[in-house]
Amino acid sequence: MARCLELDVANQGESLDAALANLREAVELYLEQVSQPEIEATPFVTAFQIAA
């Protein structure tokens, strides 16, 4: 799954490259439909591990 956090647009694909390509297309389509997109505040993204 790939997601543009600023626009709240998400998509998926069978691989990371496919997910990113699909997301790029989804963002382009979204921006074609919205004249003034509402950009969300800059999100904080991090990764972490938990003990099993």
PDB file of N, CA and C in Angstrom:
ATOM      1  N   MET A   1       0.850  -1.172   0.000  1.00  0.00           N
ATOM      2  CA  MET A   1       0.000   0.000   0.000  1.00  0.00           C
ATOM      3  C   MET A   1       0.888   1.226   0.000  1.00  0.00           C
ATOM      4  N   ALA A   2       0.495   2.235  -0.735  1.00  0.00           N
ATOM      5  CA  ALA A   2       1.197   3.513  -0.783  1.00  0.00           C
ATOM      6  C   ALA A   2       0.172   4.606  -0.520  1.00  0.00           C
ATOM      7  N   ARG A   3       0.599   5.634   0.200  1.00  0.00           N
ATOM      8  CA  ARG A   3      -0.342   6.686   0.574  1.00  0.00           C
ATOM      9  C   ARG A   3       0.329   8.049   0.523  1.00  0.00           C
ATOM     10  N   CYS A   4      -0.360   9.021  -0.041  1.00  0.00           N
ATOM     11  CA  CYS A   4       0.069  10.419  -0.013  1.00  0.00           C
ATOM     12  C   CYS A   4      -0.610  11.046   1.193  1.00  0.00           C
ATOM     13  N   LEU A   5       0.133  11.226   2.265  1.00  0.00           N
ATOM     14  CA  LEU A   5      -0.449  11.701   3.513  1.00  0.00           C
ATOM     15  C   LEU A   5      -0.970  13.132   3.410  1.00  0.00           C
ATOM     16  N   GLU A   6      -0.305  13.963   2.629  1.00  0.00           N
ATOM     17  CA  GLU A   6      -0.724  15.359   2.516  1.00  0.00           C
ATOM     18  C   GLU A   6      -2.082  15.514   1.849  1.00  0.00           C
ATOM     19  N   LEU A   7      -2.411  14.621   0.925  1.00  0.00           N
ATOM     20  CA  LEU A   7      -3.685  14.714   0.205  1.00  0.00           C
ATOM     21  C   LEU A   7      -4.682  13.652   0.635  1.00  0.00           C
ATOM     22  N   ASP A   8      -4.283  12.744   1.491  1.00  0.00           N
ATOM     23  CA  ASP A   8      -5.111  11.624   1.950  1.00  0.00           C
ATOM     24  C   ASP A   8      -5.602  10.791   0.769  1.00  0.00           C
ATOM     25  N   VAL A   9      -4.647  10.443  -0.112  1.00  0.00           N
ATOM     26  CA  VAL A   9      -4.913   9.588  -1.264  1.00  0.00           C
ATOM     27  C   VAL A   9      -4.079   8.322  -1.084  1.00  0.00           C
ATOM     28  N   ALA A  10      -4.678   7.169  -1.314  1.00  0.00           N
ATOM     29  CA  ALA A  10      -3.960   5.902  -1.158  1.00  0.00           C
ATOM     30  C   ALA A  10      -4.240   4.997  -2.344  1.00  0.00           C
ATOM     31  N   ASN A  11      -3.335   4.040  -2.555  1.00  0.00           N
ATOM     32  CA  ASN A  11      -3.503   3.041  -3.595  1.00  0.00           C
ATOM     33  C   ASN A  11      -2.645   1.845  -3.244  1.00  0.00           C
ATOM     34  N   GLN A  12      -2.759   0.789  -4.024  1.00  0.00           N
ATOM     35  CA  GLN A  12      -1.984  -0.418  -3.745  1.00  0.00           C
ATOM     36  C   GLN A  12      -1.500  -1.031  -5.039  1.00  0.00           C
ATOM     37  N   GLY A  13      -0.610  -1.996  -4.920  1.00  0.00           N
ATOM     38  CA  GLY A  13      -0.095  -2.708  -6.074  1.00  0.00           C
ATOM     39  C   GLY A  13       0.537  -4.012  -5.630  1.00  0.00           C
ATOM     40  N   GLU A  14       0.882  -4.856  -6.590  1.00  0.00           N
ATOM     41  CA  GLU A  14       1.466  -6.159  -6.271  1.00  0.00           C
ATOM     42  C   GLU A  14       2.914  -6.053  -5.814  1.00  0.00           C
ATOM     43  N   SER A  15       3.563  -4.909  -6.059  1.00  0.00           N
ATOM     44  CA  SER A  15       4.935  -4.665  -5.612  1.00  0.00           C
ATOM     45  C   SER A  15       5.029  -3.207  -5.181  1.00  0.00           C
ATOM     46  N   LEU A  16       6.147  -2.848  -4.566  1.00  0.00           N
ATOM     47  CA  LEU A  16       6.347  -1.459  -4.153  1.00  0.00           C
ATOM     48  C   LEU A  16       6.329  -0.535  -5.367  1.00  0.00           C
ATOM     49  N   ASP A  17       7.017  -0.937  -6.431  1.00  0.00           N
ATOM     50  CA  ASP A  17       7.037  -0.109  -7.643  1.00  0.00           C
ATOM     51  C   ASP A  17       5.642   0.065  -8.226  1.00  0.00           C
ATOM     52  N   ALA A  18       4.857  -1.001  -8.238  1.00  0.00           N
ATOM     53  CA  ALA A  18       3.489  -0.918  -8.758  1.00  0.00           C
ATOM     54  C   ALA A  18       2.624  -0.036  -7.871  1.00  0.00           C
ATOM     55  N   ALA A  19       2.787  -0.159  -6.560  1.00  0.00           N
ATOM     56  CA  ALA A  19       2.010   0.668  -5.634  1.00  0.00           C
ATOM     57  C   ALA A  19       2.343   2.142  -5.820  1.00  0.00           C
ATOM     58  N   LEU A  20       3.619   2.460  -5.986  1.00  0.00           N
ATOM     59  CA  LEU A  20       4.012   3.861  -6.191  1.00  0.00           C
ATOM     60  C   LEU A  20       3.507   4.394  -7.529  1.00  0.00           C
ATOM     61  N   ALA A  21       3.565   3.583  -8.571  1.00  0.00           N
ATOM     62  CA  ALA A  21       3.046   4.007  -9.879  1.00  0.00           C
ATOM     63  C   ALA A  21       1.543   4.236  -9.801  1.00  0.00           C
ATOM     64  N   ASN A  22       0.837   3.347  -9.123  1.00  0.00           N
ATOM     65  CA  ASN A  22      -0.611   3.506  -8.966  1.00  0.00           C
ATOM     66  C   ASN A  22      -0.936   4.733  -8.132  1.00  0.00           C
ATOM     67  N   LEU A  23      -0.135   4.995  -7.107  1.00  0.00           N
ATOM     68  CA  LEU A  23      -0.354   6.180  -6.276  1.00  0.00           C
ATOM     69  C   LEU A  23      -0.123   7.450  -7.094  1.00  0.00           C
ATOM     70  N   ARG A  24       0.927   7.459  -7.889  1.00  0.00           N
ATOM     71  CA  ARG A  24       1.207   8.630  -8.733  1.00  0.00           C
ATOM     72  C   ARG A  24       0.004   8.927  -9.632  1.00  0.00           C
ATOM     73  N   GLU A  25      -0.550   7.887 -10.246  1.00  0.00           N
ATOM     74  CA  GLU A  25      -1.721   8.063 -11.108  1.00  0.00           C
ATOM     75  C   GLU A  25      -2.927   8.553 -10.307  1.00  0.00           C
ATOM     76  N   ALA A  26      -3.129   8.003  -9.116  1.00  0.00           N
ATOM     77  CA  ALA A  26      -4.259   8.414  -8.278  1.00  0.00           C
ATOM     78  C   ALA A  26      -4.131   9.877  -7.863  1.00  0.00           C
ATOM     79  N   VAL A  27      -2.919  10.319  -7.527  1.00  0.00           N
ATOM     80  CA  VAL A  27      -2.708  11.718  -7.145  1.00  0.00           C
ATOM     81  C   VAL A  27      -2.959  12.625  -8.342  1.00  0.00           C
ATOM     82  N   GLU A  28      -2.479  12.235  -9.523  1.00  0.00           N
ATOM     83  CA  GLU A  28      -2.725  13.036 -10.723  1.00  0.00           C
ATOM     84  C   GLU A  28      -4.223  13.178 -10.987  1.00  0.00           C
ATOM     85  N   LEU A  29      -4.962  12.079 -10.886  1.00  0.00           N
ATOM     86  CA  LEU A  29      -6.411  12.128 -11.097  1.00  0.00           C
ATOM     87  C   LEU A  29      -7.095  12.985 -10.042  1.00  0.00           C
ATOM     88  N   TYR A  30      -6.652  12.863  -8.802  1.00  0.00           N
ATOM     89  CA  TYR A  30      -7.215  13.667  -7.716  1.00  0.00           C
ATOM     90  C   TYR A  30      -7.005  15.157  -7.994  1.00  0.00           C
ATOM     91  N   LEU A  31      -5.788  15.524  -8.379  1.00  0.00           N
ATOM     92  CA  LEU A  31      -5.479  16.936  -8.615  1.00  0.00           C
ATOM     93  C   LEU A  31      -6.208  17.485  -9.840  1.00  0.00           C
ATOM     94  N   GLU A  32      -6.534  16.633 -10.811  1.00  0.00           N
ATOM     95  CA  GLU A  32      -7.329  17.072 -11.960  1.00  0.00           C
ATOM     96  C   GLU A  32      -8.747  17.445 -11.537  1.00  0.00           C
ATOM     97  N   GLN A  33      -9.261  16.795 -10.503  1.00  0.00           N
ATOM     98  CA  GLN A  33     -10.636  17.009 -10.060  1.00  0.00           C
ATOM     99  C   GLN A  33     -10.784  18.124  -9.033  1.00  0.00           C
ATOM    100  N   VAL A  34      -9.703  18.465  -8.345  1.00  0.00           N
ATOM    101  CA  VAL A  34      -9.768  19.433  -7.250  1.00  0.00           C
ATOM    102  C   VAL A  34      -9.000  20.685  -7.661  1.00  0.00           C
ATOM    103  N   SER A  35      -9.679  21.825  -7.677  1.00  0.00           N
ATOM    104  CA  SER A  35      -9.007  23.048  -8.110  1.00  0.00           C
ATOM    105  C   SER A  35      -8.039  23.575  -7.054  1.00  0.00           C
ATOM    106  N   GLN A  36      -8.406  23.500  -5.803  1.00  0.00           N
ATOM    107  CA  GLN A  36      -7.555  23.959  -4.702  1.00  0.00           C
ATOM    108  C   GLN A  36      -7.486  22.857  -3.645  1.00  0.00           C
ATOM    109  N   PRO A  37      -6.535  21.933  -3.767  1.00  0.00           N
ATOM    110  CA  PRO A  37      -6.481  20.850  -2.781  1.00  0.00           C
ATOM    111  C   PRO A  37      -6.152  21.368  -1.389  1.00  0.00           C
ATOM    112  N   GLU A  38      -6.785  20.767  -0.407  1.00  0.00           N
ATOM    113  CA  GLU A  38      -6.478  21.102   0.975  1.00  0.00           C
ATOM    114  C   GLU A  38      -5.322  20.225   1.418  1.00  0.00           C
ATOM    115  N   ILE A  39      -4.173  20.847   1.611  1.00  0.00           N
ATOM    116  CA  ILE A  39      -2.982  20.116   2.020  1.00  0.00           C
ATOM    117  C   ILE A  39      -3.006  19.961   3.533  1.00  0.00           C
ATOM    118  N   GLU A  40      -2.861  18.720   3.978  1.00  0.00           N
ATOM    119  CA  GLU A  40      -2.808  18.453   5.411  1.00  0.00           C
ATOM    120  C   GLU A  40      -1.482  18.967   5.963  1.00  0.00           C
ATOM    121  N   ALA A  41      -1.450  19.201   7.254  1.00  0.00           N
ATOM    122  CA  ALA A  41      -0.206  19.599   7.904  1.00  0.00           C
ATOM    123  C   ALA A  41       0.845  18.522   7.652  1.00  0.00           C
ATOM    124  N   THR A  42       2.094  18.910   7.666  1.00  0.00           N
ATOM    125  CA  THR A  42       3.164  17.961   7.421  1.00  0.00           C
ATOM    126  C   THR A  42       3.092  16.817   8.420  1.00  0.00           C
ATOM    127  N   PRO A  43       2.893  15.608   7.937  1.00  0.00           N
ATOM    128  CA  PRO A  43       2.755  14.469   8.851  1.00  0.00           C
ATOM    129  C   PRO A  43       4.106  14.026   9.396  1.00  0.00           C
ATOM    130  N   PHE A  44       4.071  13.401  10.535  1.00  0.00           N
ATOM    131  CA  PHE A  44       5.250  12.789  11.127  1.00  0.00           C
ATOM    132  C   PHE A  44       5.165  11.298  10.836  1.00  0.00           C
ATOM    133  N   VAL A  45       6.164  10.772  10.158  1.00  0.00           N
ATOM    134  CA  VAL A  45       6.169   9.359   9.794  1.00  0.00           C
ATOM    135  C   VAL A  45       7.428   8.723  10.367  1.00  0.00           C
ATOM    136  N   THR A  46       7.266   7.572  10.993  1.00  0.00           N
ATOM    137  CA  THR A  46       8.412   6.856  11.545  1.00  0.00           C
ATOM    138  C   THR A  46       8.165   5.359  11.467  1.00  0.00           C
ATOM    139  N   ALA A  47       9.193   4.602  11.654  1.00  0.00           N
ATOM    140  CA  ALA A  47       9.088   3.140  11.706  1.00  0.00           C
ATOM    141  C   ALA A  47       9.609   2.674  13.056  1.00  0.00           C
ATOM    142  N   PHE A  48       9.056   1.583  13.545  1.00  0.00           N
ATOM    143  CA  PHE A  48       9.535   1.022  14.805  1.00  0.00           C
ATOM    144  C   PHE A  48       9.321  -0.474  14.803  1.00  0.00           C
ATOM    145  N   GLN A  49      10.011  -1.156  15.695  1.00  0.00           N
ATOM    146  CA  GLN A  49       9.880  -2.600  15.820  1.00  0.00           C
ATOM    147  C   GLN A  49       9.379  -2.928  17.214  1.00  0.00           C
ATOM    148  N   ILE A  50       8.646  -4.010  17.307  1.00  0.00           N
ATOM    149  CA  ILE A  50       8.206  -4.485  18.611  1.00  0.00           C
ATOM    150  C   ILE A  50       8.767  -5.884  18.831  1.00  0.00           C
ATOM    151  N   ALA A  51       8.963  -6.230  20.077  1.00  0.00           N
ATOM    152  CA  ALA A  51       9.472  -7.561  20.400  1.00  0.00           C
ATOM    153  C   ALA A  51       8.368  -8.588  20.199  1.00  0.00           C
ATOM    154  N   ALA A  52       8.729  -9.726  19.662  1.00  0.00           N
ATOM    155  CA  ALA A  52       7.731 -10.783  19.424  1.00  0.00           C
ATOM    156  C   ALA A  52       7.544 -11.645  20.649  1.00  0.00           C
TER     157      ALA A  52
END
